[in-house]
Amino acid sequence: MPLRSVGTRKVPRDAVHHPLFARYYARFSVNAETKLGIGVLRDRMLAGLSGRVIEIGAGNGLNFAHYPGTVSEVVAIEPERVLRQLAVEAAVRSEVPVDVVPGAAEALPVKSEAFDAAVVSLVLCSVRDVPRALSEIRRVLRPGGVVRFFEHGRGGGRVMTFTQQALDRTVWPLVSGGCHVGREPVESLRAAGFELGPYRRIMIPEKGPTLPTSYCVLGTAWRPATKD
């Protein structure tokens, strides 16, 4: 069982409610595992992890099947009820122990310095407060703990950047469960005090039309080994 502690911030049990988008995302994401090669990227993101892992915004639990056997436990935080139920079903099939927990990235319901690793996978685009969420991840990681991330964000030339910003200011968050296409996950991690390790830019789809959501990054970061 996870080490639970609400801390100083409290959030509603269902901090996010996007049932229509959640059902669409659940169908699209399963197809994307093979058609867009997302499953292979999950393997790369999670390879080599060990110990206790917290996954932020677990969605419908597609990462669970990719965790290596060296992981002793995954505490998966998912605020959206429809996706959380699908994640519970995926956890039952997982070969590593997974505990699916309601909660928001900005107020993680676990104790400080309780985890060896944190996973953020296509989630920083949709959290309400990125700096606060990353501060929470730093809190729950032990000093020297690792962050594995796979995110999409800003990219392309001036026209694409303008398009992304325009979408973020208007319709995109409304129709996509709070998602933003123009955020900068690498810069956000650096600004939050994480030490950036190797990362690489990826286009999804690799071949085909370039979309505002195509600019992705896969990489590693660490909480500094010295205590804050």
Protein backbone atom coordinates (compact mmCIF):
# COMPACT_ATOMS: atom_id res chain seq x y z
CA MET A 1 0.00 0.00 0.00
CA PRO A 2 1.22 3.54 -0.67
CA LEU A 3 2.43 5.80 2.07
CA ARG A 4 -0.52 8.18 2.21
CA SER A 5 -0.35 11.73 3.54
CA VAL A 6 -2.51 14.59 2.36
CA GLY A 7 -0.03 17.20 3.58
CA THR A 8 -0.97 20.86 3.53
CA ARG A 9 -3.10 20.85 0.37
CA LYS A 10 -6.42 19.12 -0.11
CA VAL A 11 -8.15 18.43 -3.42
CA PRO A 12 -11.53 16.93 -4.31
CA ARG A 13 -11.62 13.17 -4.78
CA ASP A 14 -12.32 13.75 -8.48
CA ALA A 15 -10.08 16.75 -9.15
CA VAL A 16 -10.64 16.44 -12.91
CA HIS A 17 -13.90 15.60 -14.69
CA HIS A 18 -13.77 15.13 -18.45
CA PRO A 19 -15.85 11.98 -19.10
CA LEU A 20 -16.42 12.49 -22.83
CA PHE A 21 -12.77 13.25 -23.56
CA ALA A 22 -11.69 10.39 -21.27
CA ARG A 23 -13.68 7.88 -23.33
CA TYR A 24 -12.27 9.25 -26.58
CA TYR A 25 -8.73 9.26 -25.21
CA ALA A 26 -9.07 5.68 -23.99
CA ARG A 27 -9.93 4.47 -27.51
CA PHE A 28 -7.37 6.65 -29.31
CA SER A 29 -4.50 5.83 -26.97
CA VAL A 30 -4.93 2.07 -27.34
CA ASN A 31 -4.75 2.38 -31.13
CA ALA A 32 -1.73 4.69 -30.88
CA GLU A 33 0.27 2.04 -29.03
CA THR A 34 0.99 0.23 -32.29
CA LYS A 35 -0.04 2.62 -35.06
CA LEU A 36 2.09 5.50 -33.74
CA GLY A 37 4.71 3.41 -31.96
CA ILE A 38 3.84 4.73 -28.51
CA GLY A 39 4.25 1.30 -26.93
CA VAL A 40 7.92 1.19 -27.97
CA LEU A 41 8.46 4.64 -26.46
CA ARG A 42 6.92 3.49 -23.18
CA ASP A 43 9.43 0.63 -23.07
CA ARG A 44 12.30 3.09 -23.56
CA MET A 45 10.95 5.51 -20.97
CA LEU A 46 10.58 2.89 -18.23
CA ALA A 47 13.61 0.69 -18.93
CA GLY A 48 15.91 0.26 -15.95
CA LEU A 49 13.57 1.61 -13.28
CA SER A 50 13.60 -0.06 -9.87
CA GLY A 51 12.17 0.36 -6.40
CA ARG A 52 9.04 2.38 -5.62
CA VAL A 53 7.63 4.45 -8.47
CA ILE A 54 4.96 7.12 -8.52
CA GLU A 55 3.23 7.70 -11.85
CA ILE A 56 1.53 11.06 -12.28
CA GLY A 57 -1.60 11.11 -14.43
CA ALA A 58 -1.70 7.40 -15.20
CA GLY A 59 -4.66 7.75 -17.57
CA ASN A 60 -6.00 4.36 -18.59
CA GLY A 61 -2.92 2.55 -17.34
CA LEU A 62 -1.10 1.85 -20.59
CA ASN A 63 2.30 2.22 -18.92
CA PHE A 64 1.64 -0.60 -16.46
CA ALA A 65 2.46 -3.42 -18.88
CA HIS A 66 5.85 -1.84 -19.63
CA TYR A 67 7.30 -1.59 -16.12
CA PRO A 68 10.32 -3.87 -15.60
CA GLY A 69 10.24 -6.54 -12.92
CA THR A 70 12.80 -4.59 -10.88
CA VAL A 71 10.02 -2.17 -9.88
CA SER A 72 8.69 -3.19 -6.46
CA GLU A 73 5.54 -1.03 -6.52
CA VAL A 74 3.82 1.60 -8.65
CA VAL A 75 1.52 4.17 -7.07
CA ALA A 76 -0.48 5.55 -9.98
CA ILE A 77 -2.23 8.89 -9.48
CA GLU A 78 -5.20 9.55 -11.77
CA PRO A 79 -7.74 12.34 -11.13
CA GLU A 80 -10.31 11.50 -13.83
CA ARG A 81 -12.86 8.88 -12.75
CA VAL A 82 -13.43 7.16 -16.12
CA LEU A 83 -9.72 6.83 -16.81
CA ARG A 84 -9.03 5.80 -13.23
CA GLN A 85 -11.45 2.87 -13.52
CA LEU A 86 -9.72 1.73 -16.70
CA ALA A 87 -6.39 2.07 -14.89
CA VAL A 88 -7.65 -0.16 -12.09
CA GLU A 89 -8.51 -2.82 -14.66
CA ALA A 90 -5.05 -2.48 -16.22
CA ALA A 91 -3.45 -2.75 -12.78
CA VAL A 92 -5.05 -6.16 -12.26
CA ARG A 93 -3.29 -7.40 -15.39
CA SER A 94 0.07 -5.86 -14.52
CA GLU A 95 3.05 -8.04 -13.63
CA VAL A 96 4.24 -5.50 -11.06
CA PRO A 97 2.15 -4.33 -8.07
CA VAL A 98 0.15 -1.21 -9.01
CA ASP A 99 -2.03 0.81 -6.65
CA VAL A 100 -4.30 3.28 -8.50
CA VAL A 101 -5.07 6.33 -6.36
CA PRO A 102 -7.31 9.39 -6.92
CA GLY A 103 -5.56 12.72 -6.64
CA ALA A 104 -4.13 15.69 -8.50
CA ALA A 105 -0.56 16.37 -9.57
CA GLU A 106 -0.60 19.64 -7.67
CA ALA A 107 -1.34 17.93 -4.32
CA LEU A 108 -0.05 14.37 -4.36
CA PRO A 109 -1.65 12.29 -1.55
CA VAL A 110 1.61 10.58 -0.51
CA LYS A 111 4.44 11.22 1.94
CA SER A 112 7.58 13.19 1.15
CA GLU A 113 10.70 11.41 -0.13
CA ALA A 114 8.78 8.13 -0.40
CA PHE A 115 9.72 7.17 -3.99
CA ASP A 116 12.78 6.20 -5.96
CA ALA A 117 11.35 7.35 -9.29
CA ALA A 118 8.54 9.38 -10.81
CA VAL A 119 6.98 8.94 -14.25
CA VAL A 120 5.24 11.73 -16.17
CA SER A 121 3.81 10.57 -19.46
CA LEU A 122 1.71 12.92 -21.61
CA VAL A 123 0.46 14.68 -18.50
CA LEU A 124 2.30 18.01 -18.06
CA CYS A 125 0.30 19.32 -21.01
CA SER A 126 -2.92 19.11 -19.01
CA VAL A 127 -2.10 19.86 -15.35
CA ARG A 128 -3.52 23.15 -14.15
CA ASP A 129 -0.34 24.40 -12.49
CA VAL A 130 2.90 22.96 -13.92
CA PRO A 131 5.34 24.55 -11.40
CA ARG A 132 3.24 23.39 -8.46
CA ALA A 133 2.95 19.86 -9.91
CA LEU A 134 6.70 19.62 -10.43
CA SER A 135 7.29 20.95 -6.93
CA GLU A 136 5.13 18.12 -5.62
CA ILE A 137 7.13 15.58 -7.63
CA ARG A 138 10.33 16.92 -6.08
CA ARG A 139 8.73 16.62 -2.65
CA VAL A 140 7.78 12.96 -2.99
CA LEU A 141 11.07 11.84 -4.60
CA ARG A 142 14.00 10.87 -2.43
CA PRO A 143 17.15 12.96 -2.99
CA GLY A 144 18.75 11.65 -6.17
CA GLY A 145 15.46 10.14 -7.32
CA VAL A 146 14.87 9.89 -11.06
CA VAL A 147 12.12 11.35 -13.28
CA ARG A 148 11.31 9.64 -16.55
CA PHE A 149 9.28 11.78 -18.91
CA PHE A 150 7.55 11.49 -22.26
CA GLU A 151 5.71 14.69 -23.13
CA HIS A 152 4.58 16.79 -26.06
CA GLY A 153 4.94 20.54 -26.34
CA ARG A 154 6.13 23.57 -28.27
CA GLY A 155 7.98 23.02 -31.51
CA GLY A 156 8.40 23.97 -35.14
CA GLY A 157 8.89 27.39 -36.68
CA ARG A 158 7.13 30.67 -36.12
CA VAL A 159 3.91 29.64 -37.85
CA MET A 160 3.56 26.42 -35.85
CA THR A 161 4.42 28.19 -32.59
CA PHE A 162 1.79 30.85 -33.32
CA THR A 163 -0.73 28.11 -34.12
CA GLN A 164 0.00 26.29 -30.87
CA GLN A 165 -0.35 29.45 -28.82
CA ALA A 166 -3.61 30.33 -30.56
CA LEU A 167 -5.02 26.86 -29.89
CA ASP A 168 -4.01 27.03 -26.24
CA ARG A 169 -5.77 30.37 -25.80
CA THR A 170 -9.00 29.22 -27.43
CA VAL A 171 -10.56 25.84 -28.17
CA TRP A 172 -7.90 23.19 -27.57
CA PRO A 173 -8.03 22.90 -23.75
CA LEU A 174 -11.84 22.91 -23.90
CA VAL A 175 -12.12 19.97 -26.30
CA SER A 176 -9.05 18.01 -25.14
CA GLY A 177 -9.47 17.59 -21.42
CA GLY A 178 -7.37 20.62 -20.47
CA CYS A 179 -4.47 19.73 -22.78
CA HIS A 180 -2.13 22.49 -24.02
CA VAL A 181 0.02 22.02 -27.10
CA GLY A 182 2.47 24.89 -26.55
CA ARG A 183 4.04 24.13 -23.18
CA GLU A 184 7.76 23.47 -22.75
CA PRO A 185 8.27 20.40 -20.53
CA VAL A 186 12.08 20.40 -20.58
CA GLU A 187 12.31 24.05 -19.57
CA SER A 188 9.66 23.50 -16.90
CA LEU A 189 11.65 20.64 -15.37
CA ARG A 190 14.82 22.74 -15.39
CA ALA A 191 13.02 25.71 -13.82
CA ALA A 192 11.67 23.43 -11.09
CA GLY A 193 15.21 22.56 -10.05
CA PHE A 194 15.59 19.14 -11.62
CA GLU A 195 18.91 18.10 -13.12
CA LEU A 196 18.34 17.27 -16.78
CA GLY A 197 19.83 14.07 -18.12
CA PRO A 198 19.74 12.77 -21.68
CA TYR A 199 16.63 13.53 -23.68
CA ARG A 200 15.71 13.47 -27.34
CA ARG A 201 13.12 15.13 -29.52
CA ILE A 202 10.67 12.90 -31.35
CA MET A 203 8.08 13.60 -34.02
CA ILE A 204 4.78 11.73 -33.71
CA PRO A 205 3.78 10.55 -36.19
CA GLU A 206 7.32 10.02 -37.42
CA LYS A 207 6.06 9.94 -40.99
CA GLY A 208 2.99 11.79 -42.09
CA PRO A 209 1.40 15.16 -41.34
CA THR A 210 3.03 17.45 -38.78
CA LEU A 211 0.43 18.39 -36.18
CA PRO A 212 0.49 20.86 -33.27
CA THR A 213 0.75 17.79 -31.01
CA SER A 214 3.61 16.17 -32.96
CA TYR A 215 6.56 17.68 -31.07
CA CYS A 216 7.48 15.25 -28.31
CA VAL A 217 10.41 14.72 -25.98
CA LEU A 218 11.56 11.56 -24.18
CA GLY A 219 14.12 11.77 -21.41
CA THR A 220 15.41 11.61 -17.86
CA ALA A 221 15.85 14.08 -15.03
CA TRP A 222 16.84 13.83 -11.39
CA ARG A 223 16.03 15.47 -8.11
CA PRO A 224 19.40 16.77 -6.88
CA ALA A 225 21.11 14.33 -4.52
CA THR A 226 21.48 16.93 -1.79
CA LYS A 227 18.38 17.74 0.22
CA ASP A 228 16.61 21.05 -0.49
